[in-house]
Amino acid sequence: MNDTTELPRIEAIVVGASAGGVEALMNLLGPLRKGFVLPIIIVLHLPEERRSQLAEVFARRLLLPVQEATDKQDIEAGTVYFATPGYHLSVEQDRSLSLSLEDRLHHSRPSIDYLFESAADVYGTRLAAVLLTGANHDGARGLAQVKRHGGLTIVQDPEDAQVATMPLAALKIQPPDHVLPIHGIGRLLVELERIAC
């Protein structure tokens, strides 16, 4: 389904990406206006042994506040949160963020599935989940969980993705609500935010 006439009222957006994800996220988040009200929580696979500079890099390029997620941090409107390398990132029932060292999923920590499944449990129908380019299957199961909880599911068109493996894995498990190129996803996020206001 790619019709935007009956979009739900969303309270949070979760995003997962791997190989090719930095460029995809820049293209997705760059056009968002200052004052965009929805929180955006992101897992991007990175090597665990290096300190992430994602928050600093994106903060210089975006009009939104950008932070690296910390444990027990309250989720604030209009803020972009990046997962910390080496830690799973999840959403707690009180709508705070949590970091943990549980086993890797799909050889990854942080895992996209871990974030998506926890956020689905908390936000239910008020969640939008976006799966972008990547070279493994992380995120496919989590996206299906979001769908089961009534959330909105969005997958980058495999033909538009730098690496199509992750979008294709998601499409194989569960047809999403929207399959769009990156700029189409960006326009959809703007529309979701307009409805939320």
N, C-alpha and C. Protein backbone atom coordinates (compact mmCIF):
# COMPACT_ATOMS: atom_id res chain seq x y z
N MET A 1 0.84 -1.19 0.00
CA MET A 1 0.00 0.00 0.00
C MET A 1 0.88 1.24 0.00
N ASN A 2 0.62 2.17 -0.91
CA ASN A 2 1.37 3.40 -0.96
C ASN A 2 0.46 4.63 -0.94
N ASP A 3 -0.79 4.46 -0.57
CA ASP A 3 -1.74 5.56 -0.50
C ASP A 3 -1.55 6.30 0.82
N THR A 4 -1.45 7.63 0.76
CA THR A 4 -1.23 8.41 1.98
C THR A 4 -2.50 9.11 2.45
N THR A 5 -3.66 8.75 1.88
CA THR A 5 -4.88 9.48 2.23
C THR A 5 -5.38 9.14 3.62
N GLU A 6 -5.05 7.97 4.15
CA GLU A 6 -5.53 7.59 5.47
C GLU A 6 -4.36 7.21 6.38
N LEU A 7 -3.50 8.15 6.63
CA LEU A 7 -2.34 7.90 7.48
C LEU A 7 -2.76 7.98 8.95
N PRO A 8 -2.14 7.15 9.79
CA PRO A 8 -2.45 7.18 11.22
C PRO A 8 -1.76 8.35 11.93
N ARG A 9 -2.21 8.64 13.13
CA ARG A 9 -1.55 9.65 13.96
C ARG A 9 -0.37 8.98 14.68
N ILE A 10 0.82 9.41 14.40
CA ILE A 10 2.05 8.79 14.88
C ILE A 10 2.65 9.61 16.02
N GLU A 11 3.26 8.91 16.99
CA GLU A 11 3.91 9.60 18.10
C GLU A 11 5.43 9.43 18.10
N ALA A 12 5.95 8.46 17.34
CA ALA A 12 7.39 8.24 17.28
C ALA A 12 7.75 7.51 16.00
N ILE A 13 8.98 7.71 15.56
CA ILE A 13 9.51 7.06 14.36
C ILE A 13 10.78 6.31 14.75
N VAL A 14 10.88 5.05 14.34
CA VAL A 14 12.12 4.29 14.51
C VAL A 14 12.66 3.96 13.13
N VAL A 15 13.99 3.99 13.01
CA VAL A 15 14.63 3.79 11.71
C VAL A 15 15.79 2.82 11.88
N GLY A 16 15.93 1.89 10.94
CA GLY A 16 17.05 0.97 10.94
C GLY A 16 17.77 1.01 9.61
N ALA A 17 19.10 0.96 9.67
CA ALA A 17 19.92 0.97 8.45
C ALA A 17 21.25 0.29 8.74
N SER A 18 21.88 -0.16 7.67
CA SER A 18 23.20 -0.76 7.80
C SER A 18 24.07 -0.24 6.65
N ALA A 19 24.61 -1.11 5.82
CA ALA A 19 25.49 -0.67 4.74
C ALA A 19 24.79 0.34 3.84
N GLY A 20 25.44 1.48 3.62
CA GLY A 20 24.86 2.56 2.83
C GLY A 20 23.97 3.47 3.64
N GLY A 21 23.88 3.24 4.95
CA GLY A 21 22.92 3.93 5.78
C GLY A 21 23.22 5.41 6.04
N VAL A 22 24.50 5.77 6.11
CA VAL A 22 24.81 7.18 6.40
C VAL A 22 24.26 8.07 5.30
N GLU A 23 24.53 7.72 4.05
CA GLU A 23 24.04 8.52 2.93
C GLU A 23 22.51 8.52 2.89
N ALA A 24 21.92 7.35 3.10
CA ALA A 24 20.46 7.26 3.07
C ALA A 24 19.84 8.13 4.16
N LEU A 25 20.41 8.10 5.35
CA LEU A 25 19.88 8.90 6.46
C LEU A 25 20.06 10.39 6.22
N MET A 26 21.16 10.78 5.62
CA MET A 26 21.36 12.19 5.29
C MET A 26 20.27 12.65 4.32
N ASN A 27 19.99 11.82 3.31
CA ASN A 27 18.97 12.17 2.33
C ASN A 27 17.58 12.17 2.95
N LEU A 28 17.35 11.29 3.93
CA LEU A 28 16.04 11.19 4.57
C LEU A 28 15.80 12.34 5.55
N LEU A 29 16.78 12.63 6.39
CA LEU A 29 16.60 13.58 7.48
C LEU A 29 16.96 15.01 7.11
N GLY A 30 17.83 15.17 6.13
CA GLY A 30 18.30 16.51 5.76
C GLY A 30 17.20 17.51 5.46
N PRO A 31 16.16 17.12 4.72
CA PRO A 31 15.11 18.09 4.37
C PRO A 31 14.12 18.41 5.50
N LEU A 32 14.16 17.68 6.62
CA LEU A 32 13.16 17.90 7.67
C LEU A 32 13.34 19.29 8.28
N ARG A 33 12.23 19.97 8.47
CA ARG A 33 12.26 21.37 8.91
C ARG A 33 12.63 21.49 10.39
N LYS A 34 13.16 22.63 10.74
CA LYS A 34 13.37 22.95 12.15
C LYS A 34 12.00 22.97 12.84
N GLY A 35 11.91 22.35 13.99
CA GLY A 35 10.63 22.28 14.69
C GLY A 35 9.83 21.03 14.38
N PHE A 36 10.36 20.14 13.56
CA PHE A 36 9.72 18.84 13.32
C PHE A 36 9.46 18.19 14.68
N VAL A 37 8.22 17.77 14.94
CA VAL A 37 7.86 17.43 16.32
C VAL A 37 8.04 15.97 16.72
N LEU A 38 8.12 15.07 15.77
CA LEU A 38 8.18 13.66 16.14
C LEU A 38 9.60 13.24 16.51
N PRO A 39 9.78 12.46 17.58
CA PRO A 39 11.10 11.91 17.87
C PRO A 39 11.46 10.83 16.85
N ILE A 40 12.74 10.76 16.51
CA ILE A 40 13.24 9.77 15.54
C ILE A 40 14.38 9.01 16.22
N ILE A 41 14.22 7.70 16.36
CA ILE A 41 15.19 6.86 17.07
C ILE A 41 15.81 5.92 16.05
N ILE A 42 17.14 5.92 15.96
CA ILE A 42 17.82 5.26 14.84
C ILE A 42 18.85 4.25 15.33
N VAL A 43 18.82 3.07 14.71
CA VAL A 43 19.92 2.12 14.82
C VAL A 43 20.61 2.05 13.46
N LEU A 44 21.88 2.39 13.45
CA LEU A 44 22.73 2.25 12.26
C LEU A 44 23.90 1.37 12.66
N HIS A 45 24.08 0.26 12.00
CA HIS A 45 25.17 -0.65 12.34
C HIS A 45 26.52 0.02 12.14
N LEU A 46 27.34 -0.02 13.18
CA LEU A 46 28.69 0.53 13.15
C LEU A 46 29.64 -0.43 13.85
N PRO A 47 30.92 -0.37 13.55
CA PRO A 47 31.88 -1.19 14.30
C PRO A 47 31.83 -0.84 15.78
N GLU A 48 31.84 -1.86 16.64
CA GLU A 48 31.72 -1.63 18.08
C GLU A 48 32.97 -1.03 18.71
N GLU A 49 34.11 -1.26 18.09
CA GLU A 49 35.35 -0.88 18.75
C GLU A 49 35.68 0.61 18.63
N ARG A 50 34.92 1.34 17.83
CA ARG A 50 35.21 2.77 17.67
C ARG A 50 34.09 3.61 18.26
N ARG A 51 34.46 4.74 18.85
CA ARG A 51 33.44 5.68 19.35
C ARG A 51 32.69 6.26 18.16
N SER A 52 31.39 6.31 18.27
CA SER A 52 30.57 6.84 17.18
C SER A 52 30.63 8.36 17.15
N GLN A 53 30.73 8.91 15.96
CA GLN A 53 30.65 10.36 15.78
C GLN A 53 29.39 10.73 15.00
N LEU A 54 28.46 9.78 14.90
CA LEU A 54 27.25 10.02 14.11
C LEU A 54 26.49 11.24 14.61
N ALA A 55 26.30 11.33 15.92
CA ALA A 55 25.52 12.44 16.45
C ALA A 55 26.16 13.77 16.08
N GLU A 56 27.48 13.87 16.21
CA GLU A 56 28.16 15.12 15.89
C GLU A 56 28.06 15.44 14.40
N VAL A 57 28.26 14.43 13.56
CA VAL A 57 28.20 14.63 12.11
C VAL A 57 26.81 15.08 11.67
N PHE A 58 25.78 14.38 12.17
CA PHE A 58 24.42 14.72 11.76
C PHE A 58 23.96 16.03 12.38
N ALA A 59 24.41 16.34 13.58
CA ALA A 59 24.02 17.60 14.22
C ALA A 59 24.48 18.81 13.40
N ARG A 60 25.62 18.66 12.72
CA ARG A 60 26.12 19.76 11.88
C ARG A 60 25.31 19.91 10.60
N ARG A 61 24.61 18.85 10.20
CA ARG A 61 23.93 18.85 8.90
C ARG A 61 22.41 19.00 8.99
N LEU A 62 21.83 18.71 10.16
CA LEU A 62 20.38 18.72 10.29
C LEU A 62 19.89 19.96 11.03
N LEU A 63 18.62 20.28 10.83
CA LEU A 63 17.99 21.39 11.54
C LEU A 63 17.38 20.94 12.86
N LEU A 64 17.42 19.64 13.15
CA LEU A 64 16.86 19.08 14.36
C LEU A 64 17.95 18.81 15.39
N PRO A 65 17.63 18.81 16.69
CA PRO A 65 18.62 18.39 17.69
C PRO A 65 18.94 16.91 17.54
N VAL A 66 20.20 16.57 17.66
CA VAL A 66 20.68 15.20 17.48
C VAL A 66 21.49 14.79 18.69
N GLN A 67 21.22 13.58 19.20
CA GLN A 67 21.96 13.08 20.37
C GLN A 67 22.31 11.61 20.17
N GLU A 68 23.39 11.20 20.83
CA GLU A 68 23.63 9.77 20.99
C GLU A 68 22.82 9.33 22.21
N ALA A 69 22.06 8.25 22.05
CA ALA A 69 21.16 7.80 23.12
C ALA A 69 21.94 7.42 24.37
N THR A 70 21.37 7.75 25.53
CA THR A 70 21.95 7.35 26.80
C THR A 70 20.91 6.57 27.61
N ASP A 71 21.38 5.79 28.55
CA ASP A 71 20.50 4.94 29.35
C ASP A 71 19.58 5.79 30.23
N LYS A 72 18.31 5.40 30.29
CA LYS A 72 17.28 6.05 31.11
C LYS A 72 16.94 7.46 30.64
N GLN A 73 17.27 7.78 29.42
CA GLN A 73 17.00 9.11 28.86
C GLN A 73 15.55 9.18 28.39
N ASP A 74 14.85 10.23 28.78
CA ASP A 74 13.48 10.44 28.30
C ASP A 74 13.50 10.79 26.82
N ILE A 75 12.53 10.25 26.09
CA ILE A 75 12.39 10.56 24.67
C ILE A 75 11.68 11.90 24.54
N GLU A 76 12.33 12.84 23.87
CA GLU A 76 11.77 14.18 23.72
C GLU A 76 11.31 14.41 22.29
N ALA A 77 10.25 15.18 22.15
CA ALA A 77 9.71 15.50 20.83
C ALA A 77 10.76 16.19 19.97
N GLY A 78 10.74 15.87 18.68
CA GLY A 78 11.57 16.58 17.73
C GLY A 78 13.05 16.33 17.82
N THR A 79 13.46 15.27 18.51
CA THR A 79 14.88 14.97 18.69
C THR A 79 15.23 13.70 17.94
N VAL A 80 16.42 13.68 17.33
CA VAL A 80 16.95 12.49 16.66
C VAL A 80 17.93 11.81 17.61
N TYR A 81 17.71 10.52 17.85
CA TYR A 81 18.57 9.73 18.73
C TYR A 81 19.26 8.64 17.93
N PHE A 82 20.59 8.53 18.08
CA PHE A 82 21.35 7.44 17.47
C PHE A 82 21.77 6.44 18.53
N ALA A 83 21.64 5.16 18.20
CA ALA A 83 22.08 4.10 19.10
C ALA A 83 23.60 4.18 19.29
N THR A 84 24.03 3.81 20.49
CA THR A 84 25.45 3.76 20.82
C THR A 84 26.04 2.44 20.33
N PRO A 85 27.18 2.45 19.63
CA PRO A 85 27.79 1.19 19.20
C PRO A 85 28.08 0.28 20.40
N GLY A 86 27.79 -1.01 20.23
CA GLY A 86 28.09 -1.98 21.27
C GLY A 86 26.97 -2.21 22.27
N TYR A 87 25.88 -1.44 22.16
CA TYR A 87 24.75 -1.57 23.08
C TYR A 87 23.44 -1.69 22.31
N HIS A 88 22.59 -2.61 22.74
CA HIS A 88 21.23 -2.60 22.20
C HIS A 88 20.50 -1.38 22.72
N LEU A 89 19.65 -0.81 21.88
CA LEU A 89 18.84 0.34 22.25
C LEU A 89 17.37 -0.08 22.23
N SER A 90 16.67 0.16 23.32
CA SER A 90 15.25 -0.19 23.38
C SER A 90 14.45 0.96 23.98
N VAL A 91 13.13 0.88 23.77
CA VAL A 91 12.20 1.85 24.32
C VAL A 91 11.47 1.20 25.49
N GLU A 92 11.46 1.88 26.64
CA GLU A 92 10.80 1.37 27.83
C GLU A 92 9.35 1.87 27.91
N GLN A 93 8.55 1.22 28.75
CA GLN A 93 7.14 1.57 28.85
C GLN A 93 6.92 3.02 29.28
N ASP A 94 7.85 3.60 30.03
CA ASP A 94 7.70 4.99 30.44
C ASP A 94 8.21 5.96 29.36
N ARG A 95 8.46 5.41 28.17
CA ARG A 95 8.93 6.20 27.02
C ARG A 95 10.28 6.86 27.27
N SER A 96 11.13 6.06 27.87
CA SER A 96 12.53 6.43 27.98
C SER A 96 13.35 5.43 27.16
N LEU A 97 14.62 5.73 26.97
CA LEU A 97 15.52 4.85 26.22
C LEU A 97 16.33 4.01 27.19
N SER A 98 16.68 2.81 26.75
CA SER A 98 17.45 1.91 27.60
C SER A 98 18.57 1.29 26.76
N LEU A 99 19.75 1.18 27.35
CA LEU A 99 20.89 0.52 26.71
C LEU A 99 21.15 -0.80 27.42
N SER A 100 21.51 -1.83 26.67
CA SER A 100 21.79 -3.12 27.29
C SER A 100 22.87 -3.86 26.51
N LEU A 101 23.43 -4.87 27.19
CA LEU A 101 24.51 -5.68 26.60
C LEU A 101 24.06 -7.11 26.34
N GLU A 102 22.78 -7.31 26.08
CA GLU A 102 22.31 -8.65 25.78
C GLU A 102 22.95 -9.17 24.49
N ASP A 103 22.78 -10.48 24.24
CA ASP A 103 23.45 -11.11 23.10
C ASP A 103 23.13 -10.40 21.78
N ARG A 104 24.07 -10.47 20.87
CA ARG A 104 23.88 -9.88 19.54
C ARG A 104 22.73 -10.58 18.81
N LEU A 105 22.02 -9.82 18.00
CA LEU A 105 21.03 -10.36 17.08
C LEU A 105 21.53 -10.10 15.67
N HIS A 106 21.52 -11.13 14.83
CA HIS A 106 22.06 -11.00 13.47
C HIS A 106 23.48 -10.47 13.50
N HIS A 107 24.26 -10.92 14.48
CA HIS A 107 25.66 -10.51 14.65
C HIS A 107 25.77 -9.02 14.95
N SER A 108 24.71 -8.39 15.40
CA SER A 108 24.72 -6.94 15.59
C SER A 108 24.31 -6.55 17.00
N ARG A 109 25.01 -5.58 17.54
CA ARG A 109 24.62 -4.91 18.78
C ARG A 109 25.12 -3.48 18.66
N PRO A 110 24.22 -2.54 18.38
CA PRO A 110 22.77 -2.59 18.50
C PRO A 110 22.11 -3.34 17.35
N SER A 111 20.95 -3.90 17.64
CA SER A 111 20.16 -4.59 16.64
C SER A 111 18.92 -3.77 16.31
N ILE A 112 18.61 -3.70 15.04
CA ILE A 112 17.39 -3.01 14.59
C ILE A 112 16.16 -3.74 15.12
N ASP A 113 16.16 -5.07 15.05
CA ASP A 113 15.03 -5.85 15.56
C ASP A 113 14.75 -5.49 17.02
N TYR A 114 15.78 -5.39 17.80
CA TYR A 114 15.64 -5.11 19.23
C TYR A 114 14.92 -3.78 19.45
N LEU A 115 15.35 -2.75 18.72
CA LEU A 115 14.70 -1.45 18.83
C LEU A 115 13.25 -1.51 18.35
N PHE A 116 13.05 -2.06 17.15
CA PHE A 116 11.71 -2.07 16.57
C PHE A 116 10.71 -2.83 17.46
N GLU A 117 11.12 -3.99 17.97
CA GLU A 117 10.20 -4.80 18.77
C GLU A 117 9.84 -4.11 20.08
N SER A 118 10.81 -3.49 20.72
CA SER A 118 10.52 -2.79 21.99
C SER A 118 9.63 -1.57 21.74
N ALA A 119 9.90 -0.83 20.67
CA ALA A 119 9.08 0.34 20.36
C ALA A 119 7.66 -0.05 19.99
N ALA A 120 7.50 -1.18 19.29
CA ALA A 120 6.17 -1.67 18.94
C ALA A 120 5.36 -1.98 20.19
N ASP A 121 6.00 -2.57 21.20
CA ASP A 121 5.32 -2.89 22.45
C ASP A 121 4.84 -1.63 23.17
N VAL A 122 5.58 -0.55 23.05
CA VAL A 122 5.26 0.69 23.77
C VAL A 122 4.26 1.56 22.99
N TYR A 123 4.53 1.78 21.71
CA TYR A 123 3.74 2.74 20.94
C TYR A 123 2.58 2.11 20.17
N GLY A 124 2.65 0.82 19.86
CA GLY A 124 1.56 0.16 19.16
C GLY A 124 1.21 0.84 17.85
N THR A 125 -0.05 1.26 17.70
CA THR A 125 -0.53 1.88 16.46
C THR A 125 0.03 3.27 16.24
N ARG A 126 0.71 3.84 17.23
CA ARG A 126 1.25 5.20 17.13
C ARG A 126 2.72 5.22 16.71
N LEU A 127 3.20 4.08 16.19
CA LEU A 127 4.61 3.97 15.78
C LEU A 127 4.73 3.86 14.27
N ALA A 128 5.72 4.54 13.71
CA ALA A 128 6.13 4.33 12.32
C ALA A 128 7.54 3.76 12.33
N ALA A 129 7.75 2.67 11.59
CA ALA A 129 9.07 2.04 11.51
C ALA A 129 9.55 2.06 10.06
N VAL A 130 10.81 2.47 9.89
CA VAL A 130 11.39 2.64 8.56
C VAL A 130 12.63 1.76 8.46
N LEU A 131 12.68 0.90 7.46
CA LEU A 131 13.85 0.05 7.23
C LEU A 131 14.52 0.45 5.92
N LEU A 132 15.80 0.76 6.02
CA LEU A 132 16.56 1.28 4.88
C LEU A 132 17.59 0.26 4.39
N THR A 133 18.47 0.72 3.56
CA THR A 133 19.53 -0.08 2.96
C THR A 133 20.34 -0.86 4.00
N GLY A 134 20.82 -2.04 3.60
CA GLY A 134 21.65 -2.84 4.50
C GLY A 134 21.98 -4.19 3.91
N ALA A 135 23.01 -4.82 4.47
CA ALA A 135 23.55 -6.05 3.89
C ALA A 135 23.21 -7.30 4.69
N ASN A 136 22.32 -7.20 5.70
CA ASN A 136 21.92 -8.41 6.41
C ASN A 136 20.41 -8.43 6.59
N HIS A 137 19.91 -9.28 7.47
CA HIS A 137 18.46 -9.43 7.64
C HIS A 137 17.93 -8.74 8.89
N ASP A 138 18.77 -8.01 9.59
CA ASP A 138 18.32 -7.32 10.80
C ASP A 138 17.22 -6.32 10.44
N GLY A 139 16.19 -6.28 11.25
CA GLY A 139 15.10 -5.34 11.02
C GLY A 139 13.86 -5.95 10.41
N ALA A 140 14.01 -7.03 9.66
CA ALA A 140 12.87 -7.64 8.99
C ALA A 140 11.87 -8.19 10.00
N ARG A 141 12.36 -8.92 10.99
CA ARG A 141 11.48 -9.49 12.01
C ARG A 141 10.86 -8.38 12.86
N GLY A 142 11.65 -7.38 13.20
CA GLY A 142 11.15 -6.27 14.00
C GLY A 142 10.07 -5.48 13.28
N LEU A 143 10.25 -5.31 11.96
CA LEU A 143 9.25 -4.60 11.18
C LEU A 143 7.93 -5.37 11.17
N ALA A 144 8.02 -6.69 11.05
CA ALA A 144 6.81 -7.52 11.11
C ALA A 144 6.12 -7.39 12.46
N GLN A 145 6.91 -7.26 13.53
CA GLN A 145 6.34 -7.07 14.87
C GLN A 145 5.61 -5.73 14.97
N VAL A 146 6.18 -4.70 14.38
CA VAL A 146 5.52 -3.39 14.35
C VAL A 146 4.17 -3.52 13.64
N LYS A 147 4.16 -4.24 12.54
CA LYS A 147 2.92 -4.45 11.78
C LYS A 147 1.88 -5.20 12.62
N ARG A 148 2.32 -6.21 13.35
CA ARG A 148 1.39 -6.99 14.19
C ARG A 148 0.77 -6.12 15.29
N HIS A 149 1.50 -5.11 15.74
CA HIS A 149 0.99 -4.20 16.77
C HIS A 149 0.19 -3.05 16.16
N GLY A 150 0.00 -3.06 14.86
CA GLY A 150 -0.81 -2.04 14.21
C GLY A 150 -0.06 -0.79 13.81
N GLY A 151 1.28 -0.81 13.91
CA GLY A 151 2.07 0.35 13.53
C GLY A 151 2.22 0.46 12.02
N LEU A 152 2.77 1.57 11.59
CA LEU A 152 2.97 1.86 10.16
C LEU A 152 4.36 1.37 9.76
N THR A 153 4.44 0.58 8.69
CA THR A 153 5.72 0.01 8.26
C THR A 153 6.11 0.53 6.89
N ILE A 154 7.38 0.91 6.78
CA ILE A 154 7.89 1.56 5.57
C ILE A 154 9.24 0.94 5.23
N VAL A 155 9.41 0.53 3.98
CA VAL A 155 10.65 -0.08 3.53
C VAL A 155 11.18 0.70 2.33
N GLN A 156 12.47 0.97 2.34
CA GLN A 156 13.09 1.60 1.18
C GLN A 156 13.00 0.67 -0.02
N ASP A 157 12.61 1.20 -1.14
CA ASP A 157 12.53 0.42 -2.38
C ASP A 157 13.90 -0.23 -2.62
N PRO A 158 13.95 -1.57 -2.75
CA PRO A 158 15.24 -2.23 -2.95
C PRO A 158 16.02 -1.67 -4.15
N GLU A 159 15.32 -1.23 -5.17
CA GLU A 159 16.01 -0.67 -6.34
C GLU A 159 16.64 0.68 -6.03
N ASP A 160 16.19 1.33 -4.98
CA ASP A 160 16.72 2.63 -4.57
C ASP A 160 17.82 2.49 -3.53
N ALA A 161 17.87 1.32 -2.86
CA ALA A 161 18.82 1.10 -1.77
C ALA A 161 20.22 0.84 -2.30
N GLN A 162 21.22 1.34 -1.59
CA GLN A 162 22.61 1.07 -1.97
C GLN A 162 22.90 -0.43 -1.86
N VAL A 163 22.36 -1.06 -0.80
CA VAL A 163 22.46 -2.51 -0.63
C VAL A 163 21.04 -3.02 -0.35
N ALA A 164 20.54 -3.88 -1.21
CA ALA A 164 19.12 -4.25 -1.19
C ALA A 164 18.78 -5.39 -0.24
N THR A 165 19.76 -6.06 0.35
CA THR A 165 19.52 -7.26 1.14
C THR A 165 18.51 -7.04 2.26
N MET A 166 18.67 -5.98 3.02
CA MET A 166 17.80 -5.73 4.16
C MET A 166 16.36 -5.41 3.74
N PRO A 167 16.15 -4.50 2.80
CA PRO A 167 14.78 -4.28 2.33
C PRO A 167 14.14 -5.54 1.76
N LEU A 168 14.89 -6.32 1.00
CA LEU A 168 14.33 -7.54 0.41
C LEU A 168 13.94 -8.54 1.49
N ALA A 169 14.74 -8.65 2.55
CA ALA A 169 14.42 -9.57 3.65
C ALA A 169 13.11 -9.17 4.30
N ALA A 170 12.90 -7.86 4.48
CA ALA A 170 11.66 -7.39 5.08
C ALA A 170 10.47 -7.68 4.19
N LEU A 171 10.62 -7.47 2.89
CA LEU A 171 9.53 -7.71 1.95
C LEU A 171 9.14 -9.17 1.91
N LYS A 172 10.11 -10.04 2.13
CA LYS A 172 9.85 -11.48 2.09
C LYS A 172 9.03 -11.94 3.30
N ILE A 173 9.26 -11.32 4.45
CA ILE A 173 8.56 -11.73 5.68
C ILE A 173 7.14 -11.16 5.74
N GLN A 174 6.99 -9.89 5.43
CA GLN A 174 5.70 -9.21 5.63
C GLN A 174 5.59 -8.02 4.69
N PRO A 175 4.58 -7.97 3.83
CA PRO A 175 4.42 -6.79 2.98
C PRO A 175 4.23 -5.54 3.85
N PRO A 176 5.04 -4.49 3.66
CA PRO A 176 4.89 -3.28 4.47
C PRO A 176 3.77 -2.40 3.93
N ASP A 177 3.45 -1.36 4.69
CA ASP A 177 2.43 -0.42 4.24
C ASP A 177 2.92 0.41 3.07
N HIS A 178 4.21 0.72 3.05
CA HIS A 178 4.77 1.56 1.99
C HIS A 178 6.14 1.04 1.57
N VAL A 179 6.37 0.98 0.27
CA VAL A 179 7.69 0.72 -0.32
C VAL A 179 8.01 1.94 -1.18
N LEU A 180 9.03 2.70 -0.76
CA LEU A 180 9.27 4.00 -1.38
C LEU A 180 10.77 4.26 -1.54
N PRO A 181 11.17 5.05 -2.52
CA PRO A 181 12.55 5.53 -2.56
C PRO A 181 12.77 6.50 -1.40
N ILE A 182 14.01 6.79 -1.12
CA ILE A 182 14.35 7.54 0.09
C ILE A 182 13.65 8.91 0.14
N HIS A 183 13.57 9.59 -0.98
CA HIS A 183 12.93 10.91 -0.96
C HIS A 183 11.43 10.79 -0.75
N GLY A 184 10.84 9.70 -1.23
CA GLY A 184 9.43 9.44 -0.97
C GLY A 184 9.17 9.17 0.50
N ILE A 185 10.11 8.46 1.15
CA ILE A 185 9.98 8.23 2.60
C ILE A 185 10.05 9.56 3.34
N GLY A 186 10.96 10.42 2.91
CA GLY A 186 11.07 11.73 3.54
C GLY A 186 9.78 12.52 3.44
N ARG A 187 9.15 12.50 2.28
CA ARG A 187 7.88 13.21 2.11
C ARG A 187 6.79 12.60 3.00
N LEU A 188 6.84 11.27 3.15
CA LEU A 188 5.86 10.61 4.01
C LEU A 188 6.06 11.02 5.47
N LEU A 189 7.30 11.12 5.93
CA LEU A 189 7.55 11.56 7.31
C LEU A 189 7.03 12.97 7.54
N VAL A 190 7.20 13.84 6.56
CA VAL A 190 6.67 15.20 6.67
C VAL A 190 5.16 15.17 6.81
N GLU A 191 4.50 14.30 6.04
CA GLU A 191 3.04 14.19 6.12
C GLU A 191 2.61 13.62 7.46
N LEU A 192 3.34 12.64 7.97
CA LEU A 192 3.02 12.07 9.29
C LEU A 192 3.14 13.13 10.39
N GLU A 193 4.16 13.96 10.27
CA GLU A 193 4.35 15.01 11.26
C GLU A 193 3.24 16.05 11.17
N ARG A 194 2.80 16.37 9.95
CA ARG A 194 1.71 17.33 9.77
C ARG A 194 0.44 16.84 10.46
N ILE A 195 0.16 15.55 10.32
CA ILE A 195 -1.03 14.96 10.95
C ILE A 195 -0.89 14.97 12.47
N ALA A 196 0.34 14.75 12.95
CA ALA A 196 0.57 14.66 14.40
C ALA A 196 0.40 16.00 15.10
N CYS A 197 0.64 17.09 14.38
CA CYS A 197 0.59 18.42 15.00
C CYS A 197 -0.83 18.84 15.34
